[in-house]
Every structure is written in C-alpha cells, then in structure tokens.
PDB file of N, CA and C in Angstrom:
ATOM      1  N   MET A   1     101.681 -17.531  23.497  1.00  0.00           N
ATOM      2  CA  MET A   1     101.622 -17.992  24.454  1.00  0.00           C
ATOM      3  C   MET A   1      99.684 -17.829  25.144  1.00  0.00           C
ATOM      4  N   LEU A   2      99.102 -18.747  25.550  1.00  0.00           N
ATOM      5  CA  LEU A   2      97.725 -18.731  26.610  1.00  0.00           C
ATOM      6  C   LEU A   2      97.554 -18.020  27.288  1.00  0.00           C
ATOM      7  N   ARG A   3      96.541 -17.238  27.535  1.00  0.00           N
ATOM      8  CA  ARG A   3      96.056 -16.445  28.390  1.00  0.00           C
ATOM      9  C   ARG A   3      95.312 -17.295  29.204  1.00  0.00           C
ATOM     10  N   VAL A   4      95.622 -16.756  30.763  1.00  0.00           N
ATOM     11  CA  VAL A   4      94.600 -17.983  32.015  1.00  0.00           C
ATOM     12  C   VAL A   4      93.029 -18.072  31.248  1.00  0.00           C
ATOM     13  N   LYS A   5      92.499 -16.973  30.715  1.00  0.00           N
ATOM     14  CA  LYS A   5      90.852 -16.732  30.390  1.00  0.00           C
ATOM     15  C   LYS A   5      90.669 -18.121  29.542  1.00  0.00           C
ATOM     16  N   GLU A   6      91.520 -18.016  28.408  1.00  0.00           N
ATOM     17  CA  GLU A   6      92.085 -19.044  27.735  1.00  0.00           C
ATOM     18  C   GLU A   6      92.176 -20.901  27.897  1.00  0.00           C
ATOM     19  N   ILE A   7      93.081 -20.317  29.189  1.00  0.00           N
ATOM     20  CA  ILE A   7      93.480 -22.305  29.310  1.00  0.00           C
ATOM     21  C   ILE A   7      92.281 -23.085  30.191  1.00  0.00           C
ATOM     22  N   ALA A   8      91.584 -22.101  31.285  1.00  0.00           N
ATOM     23  CA  ALA A   8      90.555 -21.843  31.488  1.00  0.00           C
ATOM     24  C   ALA A   8      89.338 -22.342  30.765  1.00  0.00           C
ATOM     25  N   ILE A   9      89.019 -21.976  30.012  1.00  0.00           N
ATOM     26  CA  ILE A   9      88.337 -22.909  29.261  1.00  0.00           C
ATOM     27  C   ILE A   9      88.083 -23.799  28.249  1.00  0.00           C
ATOM     28  N   MET A  10      89.688 -23.960  27.556  1.00  0.00           N
ATOM     29  CA  MET A  10      90.269 -25.531  27.115  1.00  0.00           C
ATOM     30  C   MET A  10      89.918 -25.992  28.417  1.00  0.00           C
ATOM     31  N   LYS A  11      90.312 -26.247  29.765  1.00  0.00           N
ATOM     32  CA  LYS A  11      89.936 -27.468  31.183  1.00  0.00           C
ATOM     33  C   LYS A  11      88.198 -27.361  31.190  1.00  0.00           C
ATOM     34  N   ALA A  12      87.851 -26.336  30.827  1.00  0.00           N
ATOM     35  CA  ALA A  12      86.439 -26.647  31.401  1.00  0.00           C
ATOM     36  C   ALA A  12      85.686 -27.583  29.646  1.00  0.00           C
ATOM     37  N   GLU A  13      86.180 -27.001  28.588  1.00  0.00           N
ATOM     38  CA  GLU A  13      85.681 -27.922  27.466  1.00  0.00           C
ATOM     39  C   GLU A  13      86.043 -29.364  27.482  1.00  0.00           C
ATOM     40  N   SER A  14      87.511 -29.651  28.626  1.00  0.00           N
ATOM     41  CA  SER A  14      87.270 -30.718  28.120  1.00  0.00           C
ATOM     42  C   SER A  14      86.936 -31.969  29.560  1.00  0.00           C
ATOM     43  N   GLU A  15      86.626 -31.259  30.566  1.00  0.00           N
ATOM     44  CA  GLU A  15      86.068 -32.245  31.072  1.00  0.00           C
ATOM     45  C   GLU A  15      84.075 -31.640  30.835  1.00  0.00           C
ATOM     46  N   LEU A  16      83.463 -31.161  29.631  1.00  0.00           N
ATOM     47  CA  LEU A  16      82.863 -31.463  29.436  1.00  0.00           C
ATOM     48  C   LEU A  16      82.523 -32.335  28.248  1.00  0.00           C
ATOM     49  N   ASP A  17      83.385 -32.165  27.547  1.00  0.00           N
ATOM     50  CA  ASP A  17      83.886 -33.435  26.748  1.00  0.00           C
ATOM     51  C   ASP A  17      83.512 -35.181  27.361  1.00  0.00           C
ATOM     52  N   ASN A  18      84.145 -34.778  28.581  1.00  0.00           N
ATOM     53  CA  ASN A  18      84.229 -36.695  29.362  1.00  0.00           C
ATOM     54  C   ASN A  18      83.049 -36.766  30.156  1.00  0.00           C
ATOM     55  N   GLY A  19      82.335 -35.430  30.432  1.00  0.00           N
ATOM     56  CA  GLY A  19      81.226 -35.540  31.413  1.00  0.00           C
ATOM     57  C   GLY A  19      80.259 -35.850  30.110  1.00  0.00           C
ATOM     58  N   ILE A  20      80.311 -35.995  28.620  1.00  0.00           N
ATOM     59  CA  ILE A  20      78.915 -36.114  27.905  1.00  0.00           C
ATOM     60  C   ILE A  20      79.380 -37.767  27.106  1.00  0.00           C
ATOM     61  N   LYS A  21      80.890 -37.880  27.541  1.00  0.00           N
ATOM     62  CA  LYS A  21      81.425 -39.182  27.278  1.00  0.00           C
ATOM     63  C   LYS A  21      80.327 -40.254  28.615  1.00  0.00           C
ATOM     64  N   ALA A  22      80.651 -39.783  29.651  1.00  0.00           N
ATOM     65  CA  ALA A  22      79.617 -40.501  30.854  1.00  0.00           C
ATOM     66  C   ALA A  22      78.359 -40.819  30.769  1.00  0.00           C
ATOM     67  N   LEU A  23      77.403 -39.719  30.400  1.00  0.00           N
ATOM     68  CA  LEU A  23      76.668 -39.808  30.298  1.00  0.00           C
ATOM     69  C   LEU A  23      76.000 -40.187  29.263  1.00  0.00           C
ATOM     70  N   ASN A  24      76.611 -40.567  28.330  1.00  0.00           N
ATOM     71  CA  ASN A  24      76.956 -41.538  26.314  1.00  0.00           C
ATOM     72  C   ASN A  24      76.592 -43.270  27.005  1.00  0.00           C
ATOM     73  N   ILE A  25      77.295 -43.206  28.040  1.00  0.00           N
ATOM     74  CA  ILE A  25      77.364 -44.957  28.840  1.00  0.00           C
ATOM     75  C   ILE A  25      76.397 -44.762  29.974  1.00  0.00           C
ATOM     76  N   GLY A  26      76.220 -43.801  30.201  1.00  0.00           N
ATOM     77  CA  GLY A  26      74.932 -44.096  31.697  1.00  0.00           C
ATOM     78  C   GLY A  26      75.563 -43.436  32.994  1.00  0.00           C
ATOM     79  N   ASN A  27      76.732 -43.223  32.780  1.00  0.00           N
ATOM     80  CA  ASN A  27      77.399 -42.837  34.420  1.00  0.00           C
ATOM     81  C   ASN A  27      76.951 -41.710  34.129  1.00  0.00           C
ATOM     82  N   ILE A  28      76.144 -41.590  35.595  1.00  0.00           N
ATOM     83  CA  ILE A  28      75.848 -40.048  35.916  1.00  0.00           C
ATOM     84  C   ILE A  28      76.387 -38.856  36.882  1.00  0.00           C
ATOM     85  N   GLY A  29      76.935 -40.614  37.705  1.00  0.00           N
ATOM     86  CA  GLY A  29      77.650 -40.091  38.623  1.00  0.00           C
ATOM     87  C   GLY A  29      78.887 -39.040  38.368  1.00  0.00           C
ATOM     88  N   LYS A  30      79.772 -39.863  37.028  1.00  0.00           N
ATOM     89  CA  LYS A  30      81.221 -39.494  36.661  1.00  0.00           C
ATOM     90  C   LYS A  30      80.855 -38.034  35.788  1.00  0.00           C
ATOM     91  N   ALA A  31      79.158 -37.897  35.243  1.00  0.00           N
ATOM     92  CA  ALA A  31      79.044 -36.801  34.543  1.00  0.00           C
ATOM     93  C   ALA A  31      79.255 -35.849  35.662  1.00  0.00           C
ATOM     94  N   ARG A  32      78.313 -35.718  36.796  1.00  0.00           N
ATOM     95  CA  ARG A  32      77.935 -34.673  37.390  1.00  0.00           C
ATOM     96  C   ARG A  32      79.520 -34.355  38.019  1.00  0.00           C
ATOM     97  N   VAL A  33      80.868 -35.049  38.373  1.00  0.00           N
ATOM     98  CA  VAL A  33      81.722 -34.698  38.536  1.00  0.00           C
ATOM     99  C   VAL A  33      82.327 -33.755  37.455  1.00  0.00           C
ATOM    100  N   CYS A  34      82.757 -34.562  36.538  1.00  0.00           N
ATOM    101  CA  CYS A  34      83.056 -33.846  35.439  1.00  0.00           C
ATOM    102  C   CYS A  34      82.513 -32.031  34.931  1.00  0.00           C
ATOM    103  N   ALA A  35      80.987 -32.622  35.400  1.00  0.00           N
ATOM    104  CA  ALA A  35      80.062 -31.317  35.453  1.00  0.00           C
ATOM    105  C   ALA A  35      80.751 -30.399  36.163  1.00  0.00           C
ATOM    106  N   ARG A  36      81.626 -30.308  37.501  1.00  0.00           N
ATOM    107  CA  ARG A  36      81.527 -29.687  38.518  1.00  0.00           C
ATOM    108  C   ARG A  36      83.565 -29.101  38.684  1.00  0.00           C
ATOM    109  N   ARG A  37      83.975 -29.799  37.691  1.00  0.00           N
ATOM    110  CA  ARG A  37      85.330 -29.846  37.592  1.00  0.00           C
ATOM    111  C   ARG A  37      85.434 -28.559  36.423  1.00  0.00           C
ATOM    112  N   ALA A  38      84.206 -28.577  35.858  1.00  0.00           N
ATOM    113  CA  ALA A  38      84.343 -27.788  34.492  1.00  0.00           C
ATOM    114  C   ALA A  38      84.291 -26.487  34.899  1.00  0.00           C
ATOM    115  N   CYS A  39      82.800 -26.328  35.624  1.00  0.00           N
ATOM    116  CA  CYS A  39      82.105 -25.158  37.093  1.00  0.00           C
ATOM    117  C   CYS A  39      83.324 -24.197  37.715  1.00  0.00           C
ATOM    118  N   PHE A  40      83.671 -25.617  38.036  1.00  0.00           N
ATOM    119  CA  PHE A  40      85.395 -25.234  38.611  1.00  0.00           C
ATOM    120  C   PHE A  40      86.616 -23.961  38.160  1.00  0.00           C
ATOM    121  N   GLU A  41      86.677 -24.743  36.874  1.00  0.00           N
ATOM    122  CA  GLU A  41      87.861 -23.705  36.156  1.00  0.00           C
ATOM    123  C   GLU A  41      87.215 -22.801  35.710  1.00  0.00           C
ATOM    124  N   VAL A  42      86.247 -22.295  35.336  1.00  0.00           N
ATOM    125  CA  VAL A  42      85.272 -21.193  35.050  1.00  0.00           C
ATOM    126  C   VAL A  42      85.551 -20.083  36.024  1.00  0.00           C
ATOM    127  N   ILE A  43      84.767 -20.971  37.153  1.00  0.00           N
ATOM    128  CA  ILE A  43      84.461 -20.231  38.149  1.00  0.00           C
ATOM    129  C   ILE A  43      85.733 -20.044  39.247  1.00  0.00           C
ATOM    130  N   ASN A  44      86.750 -20.154  39.072  1.00  0.00           N
ATOM    131  CA  ASN A  44      88.134 -20.067  39.974  1.00  0.00           C
ATOM    132  C   ASN A  44      88.859 -18.842  38.628  1.00  0.00           C
ATOM    133  N   PHE A  45      88.946 -18.709  37.726  1.00  0.00           N
ATOM    134  CA  PHE A  45      88.607 -17.807  36.826  1.00  0.00           C
ATOM    135  C   PHE A  45      88.354 -16.393  37.073  1.00  0.00           C
ATOM    136  N   TRP A  46      86.978 -16.265  37.539  1.00  0.00           N
ATOM    137  CA  TRP A  46      86.326 -15.627  37.629  1.00  0.00           C
ATOM    138  C   TRP A  46      86.832 -14.608  38.252  1.00  0.00           C
ATOM    139  N   LEU A  47      86.930 -15.824  39.678  1.00  0.00           N
ATOM    140  CA  LEU A  47      87.281 -14.947  40.976  1.00  0.00           C
ATOM    141  C   LEU A  47      88.460 -14.653  40.888  1.00  0.00           C
ATOM    142  N   GLN A  48      89.470 -14.171  40.122  1.00  0.00           N
ATOM    143  CA  GLN A  48      90.828 -13.868  40.323  1.00  0.00           C
ATOM    144  C   GLN A  48      90.399 -12.243  40.488  1.00  0.00           C
ATOM    145  N   ASP A  49      89.769 -11.826  39.278  1.00  0.00           N
ATOM    146  CA  ASP A  49      89.125 -10.313  39.417  1.00  0.00           C
ATOM    147  C   ASP A  49      87.859 -10.040  40.353  1.00  0.00           C
ATOM    148  N   HIS A  50      87.384 -11.177  41.155  1.00  0.00           N
ATOM    149  CA  HIS A  50      86.108 -10.821  42.519  1.00  0.00           C
ATOM    150  C   HIS A  50      86.507 -11.428  43.097  1.00  0.00           C
ATOM    151  N   LYS A  51      87.421 -10.642  44.152  1.00  0.00           N
ATOM    152  CA  LYS A  51      88.479 -11.151  45.295  1.00  0.00           C
ATOM    153  C   LYS A  51      87.588 -10.896  46.690  1.00  0.00           C
ATOM    154  N   GLU A  52      86.469  -9.832  46.180  1.00  0.00           N
ATOM    155  CA  GLU A  52      85.630 -10.440  47.573  1.00  0.00           C
ATOM    156  C   GLU A  52      85.125 -11.521  47.757  1.00  0.00           C
ATOM    157  N   PHE A  53      84.621 -11.952  46.808  1.00  0.00           N
ATOM    158  CA  PHE A  53      83.900 -13.698  47.625  1.00  0.00           C
ATOM    159  C   PHE A  53      84.531 -14.399  47.868  1.00  0.00           C
ATOM    160  N   LYS A  54      84.880 -14.812  49.004  1.00  0.00           N
ATOM    161  CA  LYS A  54      85.525 -15.459  49.140  1.00  0.00           C
ATOM    162  C   LYS A  54      84.833 -17.414  49.170  1.00  0.00           C
ATOM    163  N   TRP A  55      85.145 -18.055  48.335  1.00  0.00           N
ATOM    164  CA  TRP A  55      84.760 -18.981  48.603  1.00  0.00           C
ATOM    165  C   TRP A  55      85.656 -20.528  48.390  1.00  0.00           C
ATOM    166  N   GLY A  56      86.492 -20.352  49.495  1.00  0.00           N
ATOM    167  CA  GLY A  56      86.929 -22.244  49.535  1.00  0.00           C
ATOM    168  C   GLY A  56      88.085 -21.699  48.260  1.00  0.00           C
ATOM    169  N   ASN A  57      87.938 -23.458  48.440  1.00  0.00           N
ATOM    170  CA  ASN A  57      89.021 -23.552  47.220  1.00  0.00           C
ATOM    171  C   ASN A  57      89.255 -24.908  46.066  1.00  0.00           C
ATOM    172  N   ASN A  58      87.626 -25.093  46.375  1.00  0.00           N
ATOM    173  CA  ASN A  58      87.751 -26.753  45.309  1.00  0.00           C
ATOM    174  C   ASN A  58      86.050 -26.267  45.298  1.00  0.00           C
ATOM    175  N   ALA A  59      85.897 -27.091  43.479  1.00  0.00           N
ATOM    176  CA  ALA A  59      84.418 -26.991  43.314  1.00  0.00           C
ATOM    177  C   ALA A  59      83.331 -26.824  43.992  1.00  0.00           C
ATOM    178  N   ILE A  60      83.110 -27.985  45.023  1.00  0.00           N
ATOM    179  CA  ILE A  60      82.141 -28.023  45.669  1.00  0.00           C
ATOM    180  C   ILE A  60      81.422 -26.981  46.529  1.00  0.00           C
ATOM    181  N   SER A  61      82.172 -26.057  47.487  1.00  0.00           N
ATOM    182  CA  SER A  61      82.331 -24.876  47.196  1.00  0.00           C
ATOM    183  C   SER A  61      82.261 -23.590  46.584  1.00  0.00           C
ATOM    184  N   PHE A  62      82.446 -23.764  45.831  1.00  0.00           N
ATOM    185  CA  PHE A  62      82.188 -22.711  44.790  1.00  0.00           C
ATOM    186  C   PHE A  62      80.987 -22.619  44.388  1.00  0.00           C
ATOM    187  N   LEU A  63      80.402 -24.323  44.151  1.00  0.00           N
ATOM    188  CA  LEU A  63      78.894 -23.702  43.565  1.00  0.00           C
ATOM    189  C   LEU A  63      77.928 -23.934  44.464  1.00  0.00           C
ATOM    190  N   GLU A  64      78.423 -24.390  45.781  1.00  0.00           N
ATOM    191  CA  GLU A  64      77.575 -24.079  47.082  1.00  0.00           C
ATOM    192  C   GLU A  64      77.551 -22.409  47.284  1.00  0.00           C
ATOM    193  N   ALA A  65      78.097 -21.861  46.857  1.00  0.00           N
ATOM    194  CA  ALA A  65      78.441 -20.083  47.064  1.00  0.00           C
ATOM    195  C   ALA A  65      77.539 -19.471  46.083  1.00  0.00           C
ATOM    196  N   VAL A  66      77.757 -20.358  44.865  1.00  0.00           N
ATOM    197  CA  VAL A  66      76.567 -19.725  43.420  1.00  0.00           C
ATOM    198  C   VAL A  66      75.341 -19.603  43.874  1.00  0.00           C
ATOM    199  N   ARG A  67      75.156 -21.133  44.563  1.00  0.00           N
ATOM    200  CA  ARG A  67      73.826 -21.526  44.919  1.00  0.00           C
ATOM    201  C   ARG A  67      72.873 -20.498  46.431  1.00  0.00           C
ATOM    202  N   ASP A  68      73.768 -19.711  46.852  1.00  0.00           N
ATOM    203  CA  ASP A  68      73.311 -18.668  48.246  1.00  0.00           C
ATOM    204  C   ASP A  68      73.454 -17.808  47.793  1.00  0.00           C
ATOM    205  N   GLU A  69      74.333 -17.653  46.593  1.00  0.00           N
ATOM    206  CA  GLU A  69      73.878 -15.920  46.217  1.00  0.00           C
ATOM    207  C   GLU A  69      73.311 -15.320  45.981  1.00  0.00           C
ATOM    208  N   ASN A  70      71.894 -14.710  46.221  1.00  0.00           N
ATOM    209  CA  ASN A  70      70.911 -14.043  45.874  1.00  0.00           C
ATOM    210  C   ASN A  70      71.182 -13.321  44.140  1.00  0.00           C
ATOM    211  N   SER A  71      72.444 -13.050  44.227  1.00  0.00           N
ATOM    212  CA  SER A  71      72.579 -11.621  43.311  1.00  0.00           C
ATOM    213  C   SER A  71      72.497 -12.367  41.917  1.00  0.00           C
ATOM    214  N   PHE A  72      73.146 -14.024  41.926  1.00  0.00           N
ATOM    215  CA  PHE A  72      72.788 -14.629  40.854  1.00  0.00           C
ATOM    216  C   PHE A  72      71.600 -14.403  40.214  1.00  0.00           C
ATOM    217  N   PRO A  73      71.463 -14.992  38.811  1.00  0.00           N
ATOM    218  CA  PRO A  73      69.819 -14.938  38.817  1.00  0.00           C
ATOM    219  C   PRO A  73      69.286 -16.186  39.084  1.00  0.00           C
ATOM    220  N   ILE A  74      68.377 -16.725  39.174  1.00  0.00           N
ATOM    221  CA  ILE A  74      67.901 -18.058  39.489  1.00  0.00           C
ATOM    222  C   ILE A  74      67.884 -19.107  38.724  1.00  0.00           C
ATOM    223  N   GLU A  75      68.107 -18.912  37.230  1.00  0.00           N
ATOM    224  CA  GLU A  75      68.514 -20.372  36.739  1.00  0.00           C
ATOM    225  C   GLU A  75      70.059 -20.720  36.510  1.00  0.00           C
ATOM    226  N   ILE A  76      71.113 -20.098  37.261  1.00  0.00           N
ATOM    227  CA  ILE A  76      72.603 -19.878  37.322  1.00  0.00           C
ATOM    228  C   ILE A  76      72.371 -20.909  39.312  1.00  0.00           C
ATOM    229  N   ARG A  77      71.329 -20.413  40.369  1.00  0.00           N
ATOM    230  CA  ARG A  77      71.508 -21.126  41.454  1.00  0.00           C
ATOM    231  C   ARG A  77      70.847 -22.549  41.800  1.00  0.00           C
ATOM    232  N   GLU A  78      69.819 -22.098  41.065  1.00  0.00           N
ATOM    233  CA  GLU A  78      69.138 -23.614  40.658  1.00  0.00           C
ATOM    234  C   GLU A  78      70.340 -24.867  40.156  1.00  0.00           C
ATOM    235  N   ALA A  79      70.699 -24.263  38.620  1.00  0.00           N
ATOM    236  CA  ALA A  79      71.902 -25.000  38.162  1.00  0.00           C
ATOM    237  C   ALA A  79      72.583 -25.367  39.507  1.00  0.00           C
ATOM    238  N   ALA A  80      73.565 -24.617  39.882  1.00  0.00           N
ATOM    239  CA  ALA A  80      74.311 -24.911  40.661  1.00  0.00           C
ATOM    240  C   ALA A  80      73.862 -26.349  41.985  1.00  0.00           C
ATOM    241  N   LYS A  81      73.059 -25.460  42.565  1.00  0.00           N
ATOM    242  CA  LYS A  81      72.121 -26.454  43.256  1.00  0.00           C
ATOM    243  C   LYS A  81      71.851 -28.354  42.958  1.00  0.00           C
ATOM    244  N   ARG A  82      71.822 -28.323  42.070  1.00  0.00           N
ATOM    245  CA  ARG A  82      71.509 -29.552  40.881  1.00  0.00           C
ATOM    246  C   ARG A  82      72.704 -30.306  41.720  1.00  0.00           C
ATOM    247  N   LEU A  83      73.875 -29.826  40.890  1.00  0.00           N
ATOM    248  CA  LEU A  83      75.228 -30.105  40.884  1.00  0.00           C
ATOM    249  C   LEU A  83      75.902 -30.224  42.252  1.00  0.00           C
ATOM    250  N   THR A  84      75.141 -29.691  43.222  1.00  0.00           N
ATOM    251  CA  THR A  84      75.655 -29.845  44.609  1.00  0.00           C
ATOM    252  C   THR A  84      74.625 -30.592  45.229  1.00  0.00           C
ATOM    253  N   VAL A  85      74.135 -30.970  44.826  1.00  0.00           N
ATOM    254  CA  VAL A  85      72.705 -32.071  46.060  1.00  0.00           C
ATOM    255  C   VAL A  85      73.185 -33.235  45.792  1.00  0.00           C
ATOM    256  N   LYS A  86      72.826 -33.402  47.204  1.00  0.00           N
ATOM    257  CA  LYS A  86      73.819 -35.375  47.438  1.00  0.00           C
ATOM    258  C   LYS A  86      72.710 -36.300  47.034  1.00  0.00           C
ATOM    259  N   VAL A  87      73.339 -37.459  46.287  1.00  0.00           N
ATOM    260  CA  VAL A  87      72.599 -38.336  46.085  1.00  0.00           C
ATOM    261  C   VAL A  87      71.989 -39.101  47.129  1.00  0.00           C
ATOM    262  N   ASP A  88      70.779 -39.966  47.037  1.00  0.00           N
ATOM    263  CA  ASP A  88      70.400 -40.892  48.174  1.00  0.00           C
ATOM    264  C   ASP A  88      71.051 -41.896  48.231  1.00  0.00           C
ATOM    265  N   GLN A  89      70.496 -42.861  48.777  1.00  0.00           N
ATOM    266  CA  GLN A  89      70.892 -43.935  48.667  1.00  0.00           C
ATOM    267  C   GLN A  89      70.715 -45.034  47.528  1.00  0.00           C
ATOM    268  N   ASN A  90      69.780 -44.392  46.731  1.00  0.00           N
ATOM    269  CA  ASN A  90      69.743 -45.591  45.218  1.00  0.00           C
ATOM    270  C   ASN A  90      70.681 -44.241  44.448  1.00  0.00           C
ATOM    271  N   PHE A  91      71.261 -43.494  44.743  1.00  0.00           N
ATOM    272  CA  PHE A  91      71.839 -42.716  43.404  1.00  0.00           C
ATOM    273  C   PHE A  91      71.218 -42.240  43.117  1.00  0.00           C
ATOM    274  N   SER A  92      70.375 -41.008  43.459  1.00  0.00           N
ATOM    275  CA  SER A  92      69.489 -40.739  42.863  1.00  0.00           C
ATOM    276  C   SER A  92      69.855 -39.069  43.623  1.00  0.00           C
ATOM    277  N   THR A  93      69.116 -37.772  42.810  1.00  0.00           N
ATOM    278  CA  THR A  93      69.277 -36.719  43.005  1.00  0.00           C
ATOM    279  C   THR A  93      68.372 -36.144  43.449  1.00  0.00           C
ATOM    280  N   GLY A  94      66.887 -37.046  43.009  1.00  0.00           N
ATOM    281  CA  GLY A  94      65.591 -36.404  43.252  1.00  0.00           C
ATOM    282  C   GLY A  94      64.937 -35.370  41.472  1.00  0.00           C
ATOM    283  N   PHE A  95      66.135 -35.314  41.000  1.00  0.00           N
ATOM    284  CA  PHE A  95      66.241 -34.232  40.139  1.00  0.00           C
ATOM    285  C   PHE A  95      66.191 -34.345  38.644  1.00  0.00           C
ATOM    286  N   LYS A  96      65.411 -34.134  37.611  1.00  0.00           N
ATOM    287  CA  LYS A  96      65.494 -34.888  36.259  1.00  0.00           C
ATOM    288  C   LYS A  96      66.546 -33.934  35.500  1.00  0.00           C
ATOM    289  N   GLU A  97      67.749 -34.607  35.645  1.00  0.00           N
ATOM    290  CA  GLU A  97      69.370 -33.759  35.620  1.00  0.00           C
ATOM    291  C   GLU A  97      69.652 -33.806  34.171  1.00  0.00           C
ATOM    292  N   ASN A  98      70.508 -33.044  34.016  1.00  0.00           N
ATOM    293  CA  ASN A  98      71.898 -33.196  33.068  1.00  0.00           C
ATOM    294  C   ASN A  98      72.514 -31.900  33.558  1.00  0.00           C
ATOM    295  N   PRO A  99      74.042 -32.810  34.342  1.00  0.00           N
ATOM    296  CA  PRO A  99      75.045 -31.861  35.132  1.00  0.00           C
ATOM    297  C   PRO A  99      75.786 -31.713  33.682  1.00  0.00           C
ATOM    298  N   VAL A 100      75.682 -31.950  32.776  1.00  0.00           N
ATOM    299  CA  VAL A 100      76.669 -31.358  31.664  1.00  0.00           C
ATOM    300  C   VAL A 100      75.736 -29.639  31.078  1.00  0.00           C
ATOM    301  N   ASP A 101      74.414 -29.777  30.680  1.00  0.00           N
ATOM    302  CA  ASP A 101      73.812 -29.188  30.618  1.00  0.00           C
ATOM    303  C   ASP A 101      73.807 -27.562  31.495  1.00  0.00           C
ATOM    304  N   ASP A 102      73.890 -28.428  33.020  1.00  0.00           N
ATOM    305  CA  ASP A 102      73.842 -27.085  34.073  1.00  0.00           C
ATOM    306  C   ASP A 102      75.105 -26.534  34.463  1.00  0.00           C
ATOM    307  N   ALA A 103      76.218 -27.610  34.253  1.00  0.00           N
ATOM    308  CA  ALA A 103      77.150 -26.588  34.077  1.00  0.00           C
ATOM    309  C   ALA A 103      77.971 -25.486  32.910  1.00  0.00           C
ATOM    310  N   LYS A 104      76.652 -26.012  31.695  1.00  0.00           N
ATOM    311  CA  LYS A 104      76.618 -24.918  30.355  1.00  0.00           C
ATOM    312  C   LYS A 104      76.522 -23.953  31.201  1.00  0.00           C
ATOM    313  N   THR A 105      75.319 -23.862  31.841  1.00  0.00           N
ATOM    314  CA  THR A 105      74.532 -22.993  32.363  1.00  0.00           C
ATOM    315  C   THR A 105      75.298 -21.980  32.937  1.00  0.00           C
ATOM    316  N   ILE A 106      75.674 -22.500  33.892  1.00  0.00           N
ATOM    317  CA  ILE A 106      77.030 -22.094  34.761  1.00  0.00           C
ATOM    318  C   ILE A 106      77.752 -21.392  33.623  1.00  0.00           C
ATOM    319  N   ILE A 107      78.781 -21.961  33.138  1.00  0.00           N
ATOM    320  CA  ILE A 107      79.989 -21.546  32.407  1.00  0.00           C
ATOM    321  C   ILE A 107      79.468 -20.134  31.694  1.00  0.00           C
ATOM    322  N   GLN A 108      78.561 -20.593  31.515  1.00  0.00           N
ATOM    323  CA  GLN A 108      78.596 -19.052  29.836  1.00  0.00           C
ATOM    324  C   GLN A 108      77.883 -17.969  30.547  1.00  0.00           C
ATOM    325  N   TYR A 109      77.611 -17.632  31.837  1.00  0.00           N
ATOM    326  CA  TYR A 109      77.153 -16.995  32.595  1.00  0.00           C
ATOM    327  C   TYR A 109      78.255 -16.511  32.929  1.00  0.00           C
ATOM    328  N   PHE A 110      79.435 -17.188  34.086  1.00  0.00           N
ATOM    329  CA  PHE A 110      80.442 -16.818  34.302  1.00  0.00           C
ATOM    330  C   PHE A 110      81.363 -16.121  33.322  1.00  0.00           C
ATOM    331  N   LEU A 111      81.118 -16.442  31.926  1.00  0.00           N
ATOM    332  CA  LEU A 111      82.098 -16.436  30.644  1.00  0.00           C
ATOM    333  C   LEU A 111      81.156 -15.072  30.168  1.00  0.00           C
ATOM    334  N   THR A 112      80.507 -14.672  30.520  1.00  0.00           N
ATOM    335  CA  THR A 112      79.448 -13.576  29.401  1.00  0.00           C
ATOM    336  C   THR A 112      79.485 -12.030  30.588  1.00  0.00           C
ATOM    337  N   TYR A 113      78.946 -12.386  32.078  1.00  0.00           N
ATOM    338  CA  TYR A 113      79.291 -12.059  32.931  1.00  0.00           C
ATOM    339  C   TYR A 113      80.369 -11.479  33.499  1.00  0.00           C
ATOM    340  N   TYR A 114      81.648 -11.590  32.932  1.00  0.00           N
ATOM    341  CA  TYR A 114      83.260 -11.649  33.185  1.00  0.00           C
ATOM    342  C   TYR A 114      83.638 -10.582  34.270  1.00  0.00           C
ATOM    343  N   LYS A 115      83.359  -9.524  33.887  1.00  0.00           N
ATOM    344  CA  LYS A 115      83.812  -8.265  34.996  1.00  0.00           C
ATOM    345  C   LYS A 115      82.285  -7.466  35.977  1.00  0.00           C
TER     346      LYS A 115
END
C-alpha cells in the first residue's frame, strides 16, 4: 500500500509531466496550471504535519501563502510569486518564466525540508 507521501509525489510528477507537454506545444497557461497543481499536492502533504499554517484549500491560496511567508528562502518565495502573478491582457506575466521549473524548485524544498 502506498504511503501518503508517495501518492503526493506521484500526483505531483504526473502534473509536472503534463506541464512539460504543455510547454512543448507552447501552451504556457496550461503549464502554469499543471505547475500549480503539482505544488498543491506536495504542499498539501507538508501541511498535514504543519497545522499551524492555515493556508486555505487550493493551489493558489497555498502558493500565495508561500510567497508571503518570510521564513521561506527568497528563491522559494519568488518561484511562488511567478506562479501566482496574474496574466495581463496579452496573457503575459512580465516574467521570463518556466512554471515547471518553478514548481520543481518549490516541490524539492518542501520534500527536502519536510519536518
């Protein structure tokens, strides 16, 4: 039987794979959605042992909380910022971005510093 952590990782990896596929066909919007979902899976797992954080219940609220939490390293907060910034009328974020890389950065942090 798979443990909760392994399930979260598998779901995150599936979303990252979908995000890479979206990037390969130039669909940055879908890649951002997949990246956010991947982060959600791992952060949601992490929050099970960090009940002191009340971050809502969806990917955006989790990432906004990470972005605003000064105890996290700047590169983690900046990656979360890029994943949460709203697109403009031209569907641009104003960043040179790779949302999958940002998600991988966040996920690695939460898996490495699990406790």
